[in-house]
C-alpha atoms as a PDB file:
ATOM      1  CA  MET A   1      -0.080  -0.150  -0.336  1.00  0.00           C
ATOM      2  CA  ILE A   2       1.130   3.374  -0.940  1.00  0.00           C
ATOM      3  CA  THR A   3       0.350   6.505   0.767  1.00  0.00           C
ATOM      4  CA  ARG A   4       1.436  10.156  -0.858  1.00  0.00           C
ATOM      5  CA  HIS A   5       1.519  13.317   1.785  1.00  0.00           C
ATOM      6  CA  THR A   6       3.244  16.430  -0.371  1.00  0.00           C
ATOM      7  CA  GLN A   7       3.972  19.685   1.403  1.00  0.00           C
ATOM      8  CA  ARG A   8       5.375  22.155  -1.159  1.00  0.00           C
ATOM      9  CA  THR A   9       7.816  21.086  -3.027  1.00  0.00           C
ATOM     10  CA  VAL A  10       8.708  18.249  -0.538  1.00  0.00           C
ATOM     11  CA  THR A  11       6.796  14.904  -1.260  1.00  0.00           C
ATOM     12  CA  TRP A  12       6.543  12.076   1.303  1.00  0.00           C
ATOM     13  CA  ILE A  13       5.522   8.436  -0.133  1.00  0.00           C
ATOM     14  CA  ASP A  14       5.125   5.966   2.472  1.00  0.00           C
ATOM     15  CA  CYS A  15       5.282   2.058   1.374  1.00  0.00           C
ATOM     16  CA  VAL A  16       3.653  -0.747   3.682  1.00  0.00           C
ATOM     17  CA  SER A  17       4.776  -4.036   2.358  1.00  0.00           C
ATOM     18  CA  PRO A  18       4.933  -2.692  -1.173  1.00  0.00           C
ATOM     19  CA  THR A  19       4.267  -5.248  -4.228  1.00  0.00           C
ATOM     20  CA  PRO A  20       6.006  -5.894  -6.919  1.00  0.00           C
ATOM     21  CA  ALA A  21       4.508  -3.560  -8.929  1.00  0.00           C
ATOM     22  CA  GLU A  22       4.000  -0.525  -6.648  1.00  0.00           C
ATOM     23  CA  VAL A  23       8.210  -0.855  -6.289  1.00  0.00           C
ATOM     24  CA  ARG A  24       7.886  -0.640 -10.177  1.00  0.00           C
ATOM     25  CA  GLN A  25       5.724   2.135 -10.247  1.00  0.00           C
ATOM     26  CA  LEU A  26       8.264   3.766  -7.738  1.00  0.00           C
ATOM     27  CA  MET A  27      11.158   3.091  -9.773  1.00  0.00           C
ATOM     28  CA  TYR A  28      10.341   4.499 -12.849  1.00  0.00           C
ATOM     29  CA  GLU A  29       8.677   7.695 -11.091  1.00  0.00           C
ATOM     30  CA  PHE A  30      11.884   8.325  -9.164  1.00  0.00           C
ATOM     31  CA  GLY A  31      14.368   6.892 -11.235  1.00  0.00           C
ATOM     32  CA  ILE A  32      15.377   3.951  -8.500  1.00  0.00           C
ATOM     33  CA  ASP A  33      18.165   1.614  -9.354  1.00  0.00           C
ATOM     34  CA  PRO A  34      16.328  -1.651  -9.929  1.00  0.00           C
ATOM     35  CA  ALA A  35      18.568  -3.497  -7.965  1.00  0.00           C
ATOM     36  CA  LEU A  36      17.826  -1.201  -5.189  1.00  0.00           C
ATOM     37  CA  ALA A  37      14.374  -1.530  -5.709  1.00  0.00           C
ATOM     38  CA  GLU A  38      14.404  -4.898  -5.828  1.00  0.00           C
ATOM     39  CA  GLU A  39      15.425  -5.235  -2.090  1.00  0.00           C
ATOM     40  CA  LEU A  40      12.625  -2.857  -0.683  1.00  0.00           C
ATOM     41  CA  LEU A  41      10.412  -6.001  -1.557  1.00  0.00           C
ATOM     42  CA  LEU A  42      12.092  -8.224   1.512  1.00  0.00           C
ATOM     43  CA  PRO A  43      13.239  -6.792   5.000  1.00  0.00           C
ATOM     44  CA  SER A  44      16.870  -6.549   5.291  1.00  0.00           C
ATOM     45  CA  PHE A  45      18.906  -7.765   8.397  1.00  0.00           C
ATOM     46  CA  LYS A  46      21.727  -5.405   8.379  1.00  0.00           C
ATOM     47  CA  PRO A  47      21.379  -1.771   8.433  1.00  0.00           C
ATOM     48  CA  ARG A  48      22.731   0.235   5.427  1.00  0.00           C
ATOM     49  CA  VAL A  49      23.833   3.598   4.157  1.00  0.00           C
ATOM     50  CA  GLU A  50      24.383   4.132   0.384  1.00  0.00           C
ATOM     51  CA  ARG A  51      24.697   6.770  -1.994  1.00  0.00           C
ATOM     52  CA  ARG A  52      23.430   6.392  -5.618  1.00  0.00           C
ATOM     53  CA  SER A  53      23.485   9.407  -7.520  1.00  0.00           C
ATOM     54  CA  ASP A  54      21.268  12.045  -6.295  1.00  0.00           C
ATOM     55  CA  LEU A  55      19.434   9.230  -4.055  1.00  0.00           C
ATOM     56  CA  LEU A  56      20.601   8.155  -0.473  1.00  0.00           C
ATOM     57  CA  PHE A  57      19.700   5.013   0.484  1.00  0.00           C
ATOM     58  CA  VAL A  58      19.198   4.114   4.419  1.00  0.00           C
ATOM     59  CA  ILE A  59      18.012   1.105   6.061  1.00  0.00           C
ATOM     60  CA  LEU A  60      17.369   1.290  10.140  1.00  0.00           C
ATOM     61  CA  HIS A  61      15.986  -0.770  12.396  1.00  0.00           C
ATOM     62  CA  PHE A  62      13.845   0.820  15.784  1.00  0.00           C
ATOM     63  CA  PRO A  63      12.903  -1.195  18.626  1.00  0.00           C
ATOM     64  CA  VAL A  64       9.762  -1.666  19.698  1.00  0.00           C
ATOM     65  CA  LEU A  65       8.225  -3.014  23.333  1.00  0.00           C
ATOM     66  CA  ARG A  66       8.136  -7.328  22.776  1.00  0.00           C
ATOM     67  CA  THR A  67       4.506  -8.405  22.662  1.00  0.00           C
ATOM     68  CA  ALA A  68       3.041 -11.925  22.317  1.00  0.00           C
ATOM     69  CA  HIS A  69       2.977 -11.625  18.637  1.00  0.00           C
ATOM     70  CA  GLN A  70       5.609  -8.804  17.932  1.00  0.00           C
ATOM     71  CA  HIS A  71       9.343  -9.207  16.898  1.00  0.00           C
ATOM     72  CA  PRO A  72      11.487  -7.064  19.103  1.00  0.00           C
ATOM     73  CA  GLU A  73      12.487  -4.811  16.348  1.00  0.00           C
ATOM     74  CA  GLN A  74      11.122  -2.909  13.034  1.00  0.00           C
ATOM     75  CA  GLU A  75      12.743  -1.951   9.925  1.00  0.00           C
ATOM     76  CA  ILE A  76      12.210   0.986   7.844  1.00  0.00           C
ATOM     77  CA  ASP A  77      13.890   1.657   4.400  1.00  0.00           C
ATOM     78  CA  PHE A  78      14.486   5.449   3.262  1.00  0.00           C
ATOM     79  CA  LEU A  79      15.152   6.296  -0.203  1.00  0.00           C
ATOM     80  CA  ILE A  80      16.153  10.552   0.162  1.00  0.00           C
ATOM     81  CA  GLY A  81      16.168  12.346  -2.576  1.00  0.00           C
ATOM     82  CA  LYS A  82      16.108  16.436  -3.048  1.00  0.00           C
ATOM     83  CA  ASP A  83      12.382  16.956  -3.387  1.00  0.00           C
ATOM     84  CA  PHE A  84      10.859  13.866  -1.935  1.00  0.00           C
ATOM     85  CA  LEU A  85      11.345  11.137   0.811  1.00  0.00           C
ATOM     86  CA  ILE A  86       9.840   7.299   0.131  1.00  0.00           C
ATOM     87  CA  THR A  87       9.870   5.267   3.399  1.00  0.00           C
ATOM     88  CA  VAL A  88       9.200   1.486   2.889  1.00  0.00           C
ATOM     89  CA  ARG A  89       8.014  -0.543   6.169  1.00  0.00           C
ATOM     90  CA  TYR A  90       6.697  -3.908   6.402  1.00  0.00           C
ATOM     91  CA  GLU A  91       4.481  -3.286   9.436  1.00  0.00           C
ATOM     92  CA  GLN A  92       2.454  -0.974  11.118  1.00  0.00           C
ATOM     93  CA  ILE A  93       5.026   1.848  12.859  1.00  0.00           C
ATOM     94  CA  ASP A  94       2.883   4.136  14.870  1.00  0.00           C
ATOM     95  CA  PRO A  95       5.684   6.758  15.304  1.00  0.00           C
ATOM     96  CA  LEU A  96       4.787   7.232  11.117  1.00  0.00           C
ATOM     97  CA  HIS A  97       1.480   7.196  11.603  1.00  0.00           C
ATOM     98  CA  ALA A  98       1.952   9.838  14.062  1.00  0.00           C
ATOM     99  CA  PHE A  99       4.114  11.897  11.810  1.00  0.00           C
ATOM    100  CA  ALA A 100       1.548  11.759   8.802  1.00  0.00           C
ATOM    101  CA  LYS A 101      -1.004  13.487  10.567  1.00  0.00           C
ATOM    102  CA  ALA A 102       1.575  16.192  11.828  1.00  0.00           C
ATOM    103  CA  PHE A 103       3.125  16.765   8.135  1.00  0.00           C
ATOM    104  CA  ALA A 104       0.575  19.253   7.267  1.00  0.00           C
ATOM    105  CA  VAL A 105       2.263  21.507   9.985  1.00  0.00           C
ATOM    106  CA  GLU A 106       5.185  23.424   8.606  1.00  0.00           C
ATOM    107  CA  GLU A 107       7.126  23.236  11.728  1.00  0.00           C
ATOM    108  CA  VAL A 108       7.936  19.619  11.479  1.00  0.00           C
ATOM    109  CA  LEU A 109      10.191  20.191   8.786  1.00  0.00           C
ATOM    110  CA  GLY A 110      12.075  22.405  11.745  1.00  0.00           C
ATOM    111  CA  THR A 111      13.203  25.045   8.787  1.00  0.00           C
ATOM    112  CA  ASN A 112      11.957  27.533   5.952  1.00  0.00           C
ATOM    113  CA  ALA A 113       9.670  25.255   3.851  1.00  0.00           C
ATOM    114  CA  ALA A 114      11.026  27.324   0.868  1.00  0.00           C
ATOM    115  CA  THR A 115      14.815  25.550   1.410  1.00  0.00           C
ATOM    116  CA  ALA A 116      12.989  21.923   2.750  1.00  0.00           C
ATOM    117  CA  HIS A 117      14.274  18.911   0.913  1.00  0.00           C
ATOM    118  CA  GLY A 118      13.972  15.170   1.706  1.00  0.00           C
ATOM    119  CA  GLY A 119      16.958  15.604   3.737  1.00  0.00           C
ATOM    120  CA  HIS A 120      15.155  17.819   6.521  1.00  0.00           C
ATOM    121  CA  LEU A 121      11.923  15.317   6.563  1.00  0.00           C
ATOM    122  CA  PHE A 122      14.088  12.609   6.770  1.00  0.00           C
ATOM    123  CA  VAL A 123      15.819  14.280   9.604  1.00  0.00           C
ATOM    124  CA  ALA A 124      12.371  15.319  11.318  1.00  0.00           C
ATOM    125  CA  MET A 125      11.150  11.696  10.862  1.00  0.00           C
ATOM    126  CA  VAL A 126      13.712   9.687  12.685  1.00  0.00           C
ATOM    127  CA  ARG A 127      13.572  12.912  15.590  1.00  0.00           C
ATOM    128  CA  ASN A 128      10.029  11.756  15.614  1.00  0.00           C
ATOM    129  CA  VAL A 129      10.441   8.308  16.049  1.00  0.00           C
ATOM    130  CA  TYR A 130      13.492   8.583  18.426  1.00  0.00           C
ATOM    131  CA  GLN A 131      11.278  10.721  20.524  1.00  0.00           C
ATOM    132  CA  ALA A 132       8.773   8.093  20.764  1.00  0.00           C
ATOM    133  CA  LEU A 133      11.048   5.589  21.732  1.00  0.00           C
ATOM    134  CA  GLY A 134      11.797   8.363  24.553  1.00  0.00           C
ATOM    135  CA  ASP A 135       8.302   7.573  25.462  1.00  0.00           C
ATOM    136  CA  GLU A 136       9.110   4.095  25.463  1.00  0.00           C
ATOM    137  CA  CYS A 137      11.741   4.560  27.898  1.00  0.00           C
ATOM    138  CA  ASP A 138       9.507   5.986  30.192  1.00  0.00           C
ATOM    139  CA  THR A 139       7.420   3.050  30.591  1.00  0.00           C
ATOM    140  CA  ILE A 140      10.133   1.052  31.220  1.00  0.00           C
ATOM    141  CA  ARG A 141      11.537   3.492  33.626  1.00  0.00           C
ATOM    142  CA  ARG A 142       7.417   3.570  35.520  1.00  0.00           C
ATOM    143  CA  ARG A 143       8.062  -0.571  34.936  1.00  0.00           C
ATOM    144  CA  LEU A 144      11.224  -0.396  37.192  1.00  0.00           C
ATOM    145  CA  ARG A 145       9.937   1.572  39.739  1.00  0.00           C
ATOM    146  CA  ASP A 146       6.738  -0.862  39.934  1.00  0.00           C
ATOM    147  CA  ILE A 147       9.479  -3.508  40.206  1.00  0.00           C
ATOM    148  CA  GLU A 148      11.202  -1.623  43.088  1.00  0.00           C
ATOM    149  CA  GLU A 149       8.110  -1.039  45.511  1.00  0.00           C
ATOM    150  CA  HIS A 150       7.413  -4.818  44.886  1.00  0.00           C
ATOM    151  CA  ILE A 151      11.022  -5.996  45.862  1.00  0.00           C
ATOM    152  CA  PHE A 152      10.423  -3.607  48.909  1.00  0.00           C
ATOM    153  CA  SER A 153       7.193  -5.102  49.865  1.00  0.00           C
ATOM    154  CA  GLY A 154       8.066  -8.573  50.287  1.00  0.00           C
ATOM    155  CA  GLU A 155       7.525  -9.841  46.706  1.00  0.00           C
ATOM    156  CA  GLU A 156      11.373 -11.017  45.758  1.00  0.00           C
ATOM    157  CA  ARG A 157      10.778 -14.424  44.455  1.00  0.00           C
ATOM    158  CA  THR A 158       7.499 -13.203  41.909  1.00  0.00           C
ATOM    159  CA  MET A 159       9.764  -9.941  40.504  1.00  0.00           C
ATOM    160  CA  VAL A 160      12.764 -12.479  39.661  1.00  0.00           C
ATOM    161  CA  ALA A 161      10.806 -12.980  36.179  1.00  0.00           C
ATOM    162  CA  HIS A 162       9.951  -9.146  35.895  1.00  0.00           C
ATOM    163  CA  LEU A 163      13.297  -8.266  36.210  1.00  0.00           C
ATOM    164  CA  SER A 164      14.259 -10.945  33.249  1.00  0.00           C
ATOM    165  CA  GLN A 165      11.246  -9.349  31.196  1.00  0.00           C
ATOM    166  CA  THR A 166      12.086  -6.108  31.983  1.00  0.00           C
ATOM    167  CA  GLY A 167      16.026  -6.915  30.914  1.00  0.00           C
ATOM    168  CA  ARG A 168      15.106  -8.443  27.782  1.00  0.00           C
ATOM    169  CA  ILE A 169      13.225  -5.812  26.979  1.00  0.00           C
ATOM    170  CA  ILE A 170      16.057  -3.050  27.951  1.00  0.00           C
ATOM    171  CA  HIS A 171      18.846  -5.907  25.318  1.00  0.00           C
ATOM    172  CA  ASP A 172      16.193  -6.025  22.804  1.00  0.00           C
ATOM    173  CA  PHE A 173      16.239  -1.760  22.454  1.00  0.00           C
ATOM    174  CA  ARG A 174      20.115  -1.758  23.088  1.00  0.00           C
ATOM    175  CA  GLN A 175      20.369  -4.457  20.305  1.00  0.00           C
ATOM    176  CA  SER A 176      18.102  -2.664  17.620  1.00  0.00           C
ATOM    177  CA  LEU A 177      19.774   0.714  18.311  1.00  0.00           C
ATOM    178  CA  VAL A 178      23.673  -0.499  18.553  1.00  0.00           C
ATOM    179  CA  SER A 179      24.120   0.475  14.402  1.00  0.00           C
ATOM    180  CA  HIS A 180      22.472   3.738  14.505  1.00  0.00           C
ATOM    181  CA  ASP A 181      25.817   5.577  15.972  1.00  0.00           C
ATOM    182  CA  GLU A 182      27.835   4.057  12.771  1.00  0.00           C
ATOM    183  CA  MET A 183      24.744   4.696  10.085  1.00  0.00           C
ATOM    184  CA  LEU A 184      23.863   8.517  11.299  1.00  0.00           C
ATOM    185  CA  ALA A 185      27.767   9.149  11.636  1.00  0.00           C
ATOM    186  CA  SER A 186      27.822   7.619   8.022  1.00  0.00           C
ATOM    187  CA  LEU A 187      25.226   9.153   6.518  1.00  0.00           C
ATOM    188  CA  GLU A 188      26.428  12.970   7.708  1.00  0.00           C
ATOM    189  CA  PRO A 189      29.074  13.017   4.910  1.00  0.00           C
ATOM    190  CA  ALA A 190      26.958  11.483   2.272  1.00  0.00           C
ATOM    191  CA  GLY A 191      23.966  13.972   3.284  1.00  0.00           C
ATOM    192  CA  ILE A 192      26.306  16.697   3.069  1.00  0.00           C
ATOM    193  CA  ARG A 193      27.574  16.070  -0.326  1.00  0.00           C
ATOM    194  CA  LEU A 194      23.856  15.969  -1.686  1.00  0.00           C
ATOM    195  CA  PHE A 195      22.384  18.731   0.440  1.00  0.00           C
ATOM    196  CA  GLY A 196      24.870  21.243   1.156  1.00  0.00           C
ATOM    197  CA  GLN A 197      27.299  21.940   4.235  1.00  0.00           C
ATOM    198  CA  GLU A 198      24.076  22.829   6.242  1.00  0.00           C
ATOM    199  CA  PHE A 199      22.826  19.389   6.160  1.00  0.00           C
ATOM    200  CA  SER A 200      25.185  18.996   9.025  1.00  0.00           C
ATOM    201  CA  TYR A 201      23.552  21.147  11.257  1.00  0.00           C
ATOM    202  CA  HIS A 202      20.293  18.897  11.039  1.00  0.00           C
ATOM    203  CA  MET A 203      22.369  15.819  11.462  1.00  0.00           C
ATOM    204  CA  ARG A 204      24.290  16.970  14.453  1.00  0.00           C
ATOM    205  CA  ILE A 205      20.683  17.910  15.997  1.00  0.00           C
ATOM    206  CA  LEU A 206      19.267  14.431  14.745  1.00  0.00           C
ATOM    207  CA  ILE A 207      22.649  12.455  16.594  1.00  0.00           C
ATOM    208  CA  GLY A 208      22.252  14.171  19.662  1.00  0.00           C
ATOM    209  CA  SER A 209      18.710  12.696  19.864  1.00  0.00           C
ATOM    210  CA  TYR A 210      20.100   9.467  19.375  1.00  0.00           C
ATOM    211  CA  GLN A 211      22.628   9.884  21.933  1.00  0.00           C
ATOM    212  CA  ARG A 212      19.996  10.931  24.542  1.00  0.00           C
ATOM    213  CA  ILE A 213      18.032   8.164  23.968  1.00  0.00           C
ATOM    214  CA  GLU A 214      21.267   5.705  24.272  1.00  0.00           C
ATOM    215  CA  ARG A 215      21.950   7.475  27.627  1.00  0.00           C
ATOM    216  CA  THR A 216      18.666   6.802  28.814  1.00  0.00           C
ATOM    217  CA  LEU A 217      19.235   2.903  28.136  1.00  0.00           C
ATOM    218  CA  GLU A 218      22.429   3.299  29.781  1.00  0.00           C
ATOM    219  CA  ASN A 219      20.769   4.604  32.646  1.00  0.00           C
ATOM    220  CA  LEU A 220      17.781   1.861  32.583  1.00  0.00           C
ATOM    221  CA  TYR A 221      20.331  -0.944  32.450  1.00  0.00           C
ATOM    222  CA  GLY A 222      22.347   0.291  35.298  1.00  0.00           C
ATOM    223  CA  SER A 223      18.745   0.635  37.480  1.00  0.00           C
ATOM    224  CA  LEU A 224      17.953  -2.844  36.492  1.00  0.00           C
ATOM    225  CA  ALA A 225      21.421  -4.232  37.117  1.00  0.00           C
ATOM    226  CA  GLU A 226      20.802  -2.683  41.016  1.00  0.00           C
ATOM    227  CA  LEU A 227      17.438  -3.621  41.150  1.00  0.00           C
ATOM    228  CA  ARG A 228      18.553  -7.625  40.345  1.00  0.00           C
ATOM    229  CA  GLU A 229      21.534  -7.108  42.733  1.00  0.00           C
ATOM    230  CA  THR A 230      19.380  -6.028  45.689  1.00  0.00           C
ATOM    231  CA  ASN A 231      16.037  -8.461  44.590  1.00  0.00           C
ATOM    232  CA  ASN A 232      18.940 -11.386  44.848  1.00  0.00           C
ATOM    233  CA  SER A 233      20.406 -10.159  48.205  1.00  0.00           C
ATOM    234  CA  LEU A 234      17.088 -10.428  49.676  1.00  0.00           C
ATOM    235  CA  LEU A 235      16.221 -13.481  48.613  1.00  0.00           C
ATOM    236  CA  SER A 236      19.618 -15.014  49.778  1.00  0.00           C
ATOM    237  CA  THR A 237      18.740 -13.389  53.248  1.00  0.00           C
ATOM    238  CA  LYS A 238      15.985 -14.893  53.046  1.00  0.00           C
ATOM    239  CA  GLN A 239      17.004 -18.128  52.051  1.00  0.00           C
ATOM    240  CA  ASN A 240      19.758 -18.030  54.527  1.00  0.00           C
ATOM    241  CA  GLU A 241      17.403 -17.573  57.176  1.00  0.00           C
ATOM    242  CA  THR A 242      14.879 -20.463  56.624  1.00  0.00           C
ATOM    243  CA  MET A 243      18.229 -22.778  56.547  1.00  0.00           C
ATOM    244  CA  LYS A 244      19.217 -21.204  59.999  1.00  0.00           C
ATOM    245  CA  ASN A 245      15.865 -21.894  61.228  1.00  0.00           C
ATOM    246  CA  LEU A 246      16.094 -24.968  59.703  1.00  0.00           C
ATOM    247  CA  THR A 247      19.197 -25.843  61.291  1.00  0.00           C
ATOM    248  CA  ILE A 248      18.301 -24.763  64.757  1.00  0.00           C
ATOM    249  CA  MET A 249      15.301 -26.836  64.715  1.00  0.00           C
ATOM    250  CA  ALA A 250      17.293 -29.848  63.847  1.00  0.00           C
ATOM    251  CA  PHE A 251      19.757 -29.217  66.759  1.00  0.00           C
ATOM    252  CA  VAL A 252      17.035 -28.687  69.258  1.00  0.00           C
ATOM    253  CA  THR A 253      15.338 -32.018  68.194  1.00  0.00           C
ATOM    254  CA  PHE A 254      18.568 -34.075  67.866  1.00  0.00           C
ATOM    255  CA  PRO A 255      19.021 -34.598  71.431  1.00  0.00           C
ATOM    256  CA  LEU A 256      15.434 -35.220  71.869  1.00  0.00           C
ATOM    257  CA  THR A 257      15.386 -37.686  69.422  1.00  0.00           C
ATOM    258  CA  LEU A 258      18.545 -39.344  70.964  1.00  0.00           C
ATOM    259  CA  ILE A 259      17.219 -39.344  74.303  1.00  0.00           C
ATOM    260  CA  SER A 260      13.718 -41.103  73.106  1.00  0.00           C
ATOM    261  CA  SER A 261      15.758 -43.707  71.377  1.00  0.00           C
ATOM    262  CA  ILE A 262      17.705 -44.654  74.268  1.00  0.00           C
ATOM    263  CA  PHE A 263      14.673 -45.161  76.613  1.00  0.00           C
ATOM    264  CA  GLY A 264      13.119 -46.819  73.530  1.00  0.00           C
ATOM    265  CA  MET A 265      16.097 -49.695  73.623  1.00  0.00           C
ATOM    266  CA  ASN A 266      14.947 -53.061  74.275  1.00  0.00           C
ATOM    267  CA  THR A 267      17.191 -54.065  77.486  1.00  0.00           C
ATOM    268  CA  LYS A 268      16.511 -55.548  80.802  1.00  0.00           C
ATOM    269  CA  TYR A 269      17.692 -52.506  82.890  1.00  0.00           C
ATOM    270  CA  LEU A 270      17.159 -49.073  81.845  1.00  0.00           C
ATOM    271  CA  PRO A 271      17.309 -46.063  84.348  1.00  0.00           C
ATOM    272  CA  ILE A 272      14.179 -44.288  85.505  1.00  0.00           C
ATOM    273  CA  VAL A 273      12.190 -46.482  83.429  1.00  0.00           C
ATOM    274  CA  GLY A 274       9.965 -48.385  85.478  1.00  0.00           C
ATOM    275  CA  MET A 275      10.005 -45.941  88.599  1.00  0.00           C
ATOM    276  CA  PRO A 276       6.771 -44.236  89.253  1.00  0.00           C
ATOM    277  CA  GLY A 277       6.292 -41.286  87.026  1.00  0.00           C
ATOM    278  CA  ASP A 278       8.832 -42.612  84.909  1.00  0.00           C
ATOM    279  CA  PHE A 279       7.079 -41.210  81.650  1.00  0.00           C
ATOM    280  CA  TRP A 280       6.763 -37.607  83.040  1.00  0.00           C
ATOM    281  CA  ILE A 281      10.225 -37.400  84.268  1.00  0.00           C
ATOM    282  CA  ILE A 282      11.816 -38.346  80.841  1.00  0.00           C
ATOM    283  CA  ILE A 283       9.412 -36.022  79.136  1.00  0.00           C
ATOM    284  CA  GLY A 284      10.450 -33.125  81.474  1.00  0.00           C
ATOM    285  CA  ALA A 285      14.116 -33.711  81.022  1.00  0.00           C
ATOM    286  CA  MET A 286      13.597 -33.337  77.304  1.00  0.00           C
ATOM    287  CA  ALA A 287      11.562 -30.082  77.932  1.00  0.00           C
ATOM    288  CA  VAL A 288      14.523 -29.035  80.223  1.00  0.00           C
ATOM    289  CA  ILE A 289      16.651 -29.830  77.585  1.00  0.00           C
ATOM    290  CA  ALA A 290      14.961 -28.002  74.571  1.00  0.00           C
ATOM    291  CA  CYS A 291      14.333 -25.004  76.625  1.00  0.00           C
ATOM    292  CA  SER A 292      17.835 -24.885  77.878  1.00  0.00           C
ATOM    293  CA  LEU A 293      19.110 -25.097  73.950  1.00  0.00           C
ATOM    294  CA  PHE A 294      16.637 -22.347  73.056  1.00  0.00           C
ATOM    295  CA  LEU A 295      17.657 -20.154  75.525  1.00  0.00           C
ATOM    296  CA  PHE A 296      21.400 -20.521  74.582  1.00  0.00           C
ATOM    297  CA  PHE A 297      20.389 -19.780  70.918  1.00  0.00           C
ATOM    298  CA  ARG A 298      18.479 -16.534  72.461  1.00  0.00           C
ATOM    299  CA  HIS A 299      21.825 -15.580  74.343  1.00  0.00           C
ATOM    300  CA  LYS A 300      23.886 -16.068  70.814  1.00  0.00           C
ATOM    301  CA  HIS A 301      21.572 -14.261  68.898  1.00  0.00           C
ATOM    302  CA  TRP A 302      21.156 -17.238  66.438  1.00  0.00           C
ATOM    303  CA  ILE A 303      17.245 -17.081  66.588  1.00  0.00           C
END
C-alpha cells in the first residue's frame, strides 16, 4: 500500500509491504536503480547507508516493546532525494502514523519550507521516532519503579521473572539501536555532498537525539542491574534465614530424638524406666533440654 503526502516542494511516499507492481511504479517515477528497488520487496537484516547518484538509501532498525506476537524490532527503509522521501516498512509503525498527521504543519520540518528537501524531512521523521522511543523508555522506567516497590514489599521471588522480562526488553532496545551511531555518522558526509553543508547542522541535532536515547538506555540498564542485585540479596537473606531456622530446629530435636531412642532400647535395665512417673520424668527432662538449647540460641542471637 502506498500513501502520498505533499507539502509544497517536498513529497513523502509511505509504502507498507509494497507489491512488485508498486515498487516498479516508484522505480520509474523517481529513477530508482532496479537492484535497489528489488531490495525494497523484502526486509533486510543489516542496517545500511548508501548513495546512488542523487539518492541516499538508508536502512535502520528501530526497537519496539515486546508483545506476544511482535518481533522486538521494526525496519524502515529510507530513499532520500532532493524533493522527496520514500519510506518502506513491513508492518504498522505508530510513530510514522503520528508523523503523517503532523506533516501538514510546516514547523514539523524544523526549517523554512522554501529551502526544505528530503533530507530535512528524513531528519524530522527519525527525530519523531526517537521521541517515541523516549516515551517507551519512560514506560520501562515506570515499570522498574513498580518492580522496586514490589521488591521492598516482600515479593522478591515473583519479581525475578519481571526483572528478567524487563532486562530482555532493555537488551532488545540496545541491540536494535547499537548500529545507529555508525549509520548516522556515515550518513552525515553523504548528506552534505547531496544537500550542502547546512545539512550537517540537522544531522548533528539528529545524532544528539540518538545519543540521548542511548544514555537513557544505559541508565535504565544500570537501574535494572541495581534492582536485580538488591532482589538477589534479599532472596539470599531470606533463604539463609530459612536454612538457619531449619538448622536450629534440627539441632534442638536431635538430642530429644537421641533420648527417646535410648529409652526405647530393648534392654534388661534402663534407668528411670519402671519408676513411678517415669514417663513424665523423661518428658520433663526433654523439655528442660529443649528450653535450655532455645535460651542458649537466644543468648547467642542466633534466633
